[in-house]
Amino acid sequence: MSDIIIYNQDRIVEGIKEDTLFDLLKEDIEVGRAHYERNIDPAVAEQSNYFDHALVDILVKGRGNIPSKIW
């Protein structure tokens, strides 16, 4: 998640403003998800959507100051 944030600051802001965040970051998210799945115990991965929750918590939640039509 940190790499996505570091290398995509402008796209994150644009994506939140335009409600296209997950489309704009689709490739980066797929790479991150693959890395996560390679490094997590499969039993843990099956029990929860930790990666998806982290996407929302880390990429979106702390950026409520960005004007957006989604809030």
C-alpha atoms as a PDB file:
ATOM      1  CA  MET A   1       0.000   0.000   0.000  1.00  0.00           C
ATOM      2  CA  SER A   2       2.806   2.410   0.821  1.00  0.00           C
ATOM      3  CA  ASP A   3       4.299   2.083  -2.676  1.00  0.00           C
ATOM      4  CA  ILE A   4       0.929   2.846  -4.228  1.00  0.00           C
ATOM      5  CA  ILE A   5       0.690   6.002  -2.128  1.00  0.00           C
ATOM      6  CA  ILE A   6       4.275   7.136  -2.673  1.00  0.00           C
ATOM      7  CA  TYR A   7       4.230   6.786  -6.443  1.00  0.00           C
ATOM      8  CA  ASN A   8       0.659   7.876  -7.147  1.00  0.00           C
ATOM      9  CA  GLN A   9      -0.064  11.011  -5.109  1.00  0.00           C
ATOM     10  CA  ASP A  10      -1.535  12.967  -8.020  1.00  0.00           C
ATOM     11  CA  ARG A  11      -3.564  10.029  -9.320  1.00  0.00           C
ATOM     12  CA  ILE A  12      -4.979   9.398  -5.844  1.00  0.00           C
ATOM     13  CA  VAL A  13      -6.173  13.000  -5.574  1.00  0.00           C
ATOM     14  CA  GLU A  14      -7.593  12.906  -9.111  1.00  0.00           C
ATOM     15  CA  GLY A  15      -9.256   9.544  -8.492  1.00  0.00           C
ATOM     16  CA  ILE A  16     -10.936  10.742  -5.315  1.00  0.00           C
ATOM     17  CA  LYS A  17     -12.106  13.983  -6.938  1.00  0.00           C
ATOM     18  CA  GLU A  18     -13.534  12.194  -9.965  1.00  0.00           C
ATOM     19  CA  ASP A  19     -14.607   8.940  -8.237  1.00  0.00           C
ATOM     20  CA  THR A  20     -12.261   6.963 -10.488  1.00  0.00           C
ATOM     21  CA  LEU A  21      -9.661   5.996  -7.895  1.00  0.00           C
ATOM     22  CA  PHE A  22      -9.825   2.245  -8.331  1.00  0.00           C
ATOM     23  CA  ASP A  23      -9.874   2.512 -12.121  1.00  0.00           C
ATOM     24  CA  LEU A  24      -6.843   4.810 -12.160  1.00  0.00           C
ATOM     25  CA  LEU A  25      -4.880   2.570  -9.820  1.00  0.00           C
ATOM     26  CA  LYS A  26      -6.096  -0.763 -11.191  1.00  0.00           C
ATOM     27  CA  GLU A  27      -2.677  -2.042 -12.295  1.00  0.00           C
ATOM     28  CA  ASP A  28      -0.932  -0.898  -9.112  1.00  0.00           C
ATOM     29  CA  ILE A  29      -3.655  -2.478  -6.993  1.00  0.00           C
ATOM     30  CA  GLU A  30      -3.354  -5.764  -8.887  1.00  0.00           C
ATOM     31  CA  VAL A  31       0.426  -5.809  -8.306  1.00  0.00           C
ATOM     32  CA  GLY A  32      -0.108  -5.025  -4.625  1.00  0.00           C
ATOM     33  CA  ARG A  33      -2.765  -7.709  -4.271  1.00  0.00           C
ATOM     34  CA  ALA A  34      -0.506 -10.309  -5.905  1.00  0.00           C
ATOM     35  CA  HIS A  35       2.327  -9.385  -3.529  1.00  0.00           C
ATOM     36  CA  TYR A  36      -0.047  -9.595  -0.557  1.00  0.00           C
ATOM     37  CA  GLU A  37      -1.388 -12.991  -1.616  1.00  0.00           C
ATOM     38  CA  ARG A  38       2.123 -14.386  -2.086  1.00  0.00           C
ATOM     39  CA  ASN A  39       3.124 -13.320   1.400  1.00  0.00           C
ATOM     40  CA  ILE A  40       0.049 -14.042   3.517  1.00  0.00           C
ATOM     41  CA  ASP A  41      -0.981 -17.359   4.978  1.00  0.00           C
ATOM     42  CA  PRO A  42      -3.734 -18.685   2.687  1.00  0.00           C
ATOM     43  CA  ALA A  43      -5.922 -19.454   5.702  1.00  0.00           C
ATOM     44  CA  VAL A  44      -5.831 -15.792   6.709  1.00  0.00           C
ATOM     45  CA  ALA A  45      -6.548 -14.623   3.161  1.00  0.00           C
ATOM     46  CA  GLU A  46      -9.622 -16.868   2.977  1.00  0.00           C
ATOM     47  CA  GLN A  47     -11.073 -15.534   6.232  1.00  0.00           C
ATOM     48  CA  SER A  48     -11.135 -11.845   5.454  1.00  0.00           C
ATOM     49  CA  ASN A  49     -10.774  -9.108   2.905  1.00  0.00           C
ATOM     50  CA  TYR A  50      -7.859  -7.433   4.692  1.00  0.00           C
ATOM     51  CA  PHE A  51      -6.353  -6.139   1.463  1.00  0.00           C
ATOM     52  CA  ASP A  52      -9.592  -4.491   0.343  1.00  0.00           C
ATOM     53  CA  HIS A  53     -10.153  -2.997   3.780  1.00  0.00           C
ATOM     54  CA  ALA A  54      -6.623  -1.595   3.732  1.00  0.00           C
ATOM     55  CA  LEU A  55      -7.273  -0.027   0.323  1.00  0.00           C
ATOM     56  CA  VAL A  56     -10.199   1.919   1.682  1.00  0.00           C
ATOM     57  CA  ASP A  57      -8.631   2.715   5.050  1.00  0.00           C
ATOM     58  CA  ILE A  58      -5.290   3.832   3.695  1.00  0.00           C
ATOM     59  CA  LEU A  59      -6.084   5.283   0.259  1.00  0.00           C
ATOM     60  CA  VAL A  60      -9.458   6.884   0.909  1.00  0.00           C
ATOM     61  CA  LYS A  61     -10.317   7.391   4.576  1.00  0.00           C
ATOM     62  CA  GLY A  62      -7.599   9.889   5.403  1.00  0.00           C
ATOM     63  CA  ARG A  63      -8.318  12.052   2.396  1.00  0.00           C
ATOM     64  CA  GLY A  64     -11.703  13.464   3.344  1.00  0.00           C
ATOM     65  CA  ASN A  65     -10.286  16.950   2.805  1.00  0.00           C
ATOM     66  CA  ILE A  66     -10.202  16.394  -0.965  1.00  0.00           C
ATOM     67  CA  PRO A  67     -13.384  17.720  -2.598  1.00  0.00           C
ATOM     68  CA  SER A  68     -15.244  14.823  -4.135  1.00  0.00           C
ATOM     69  CA  LYS A  69     -18.654  13.882  -5.414  1.00  0.00           C
ATOM     70  CA  ILE A  70     -18.445  10.640  -3.414  1.00  0.00           C
ATOM     71  CA  TRP A  71     -18.977  12.455  -0.097  1.00  0.00           C
END
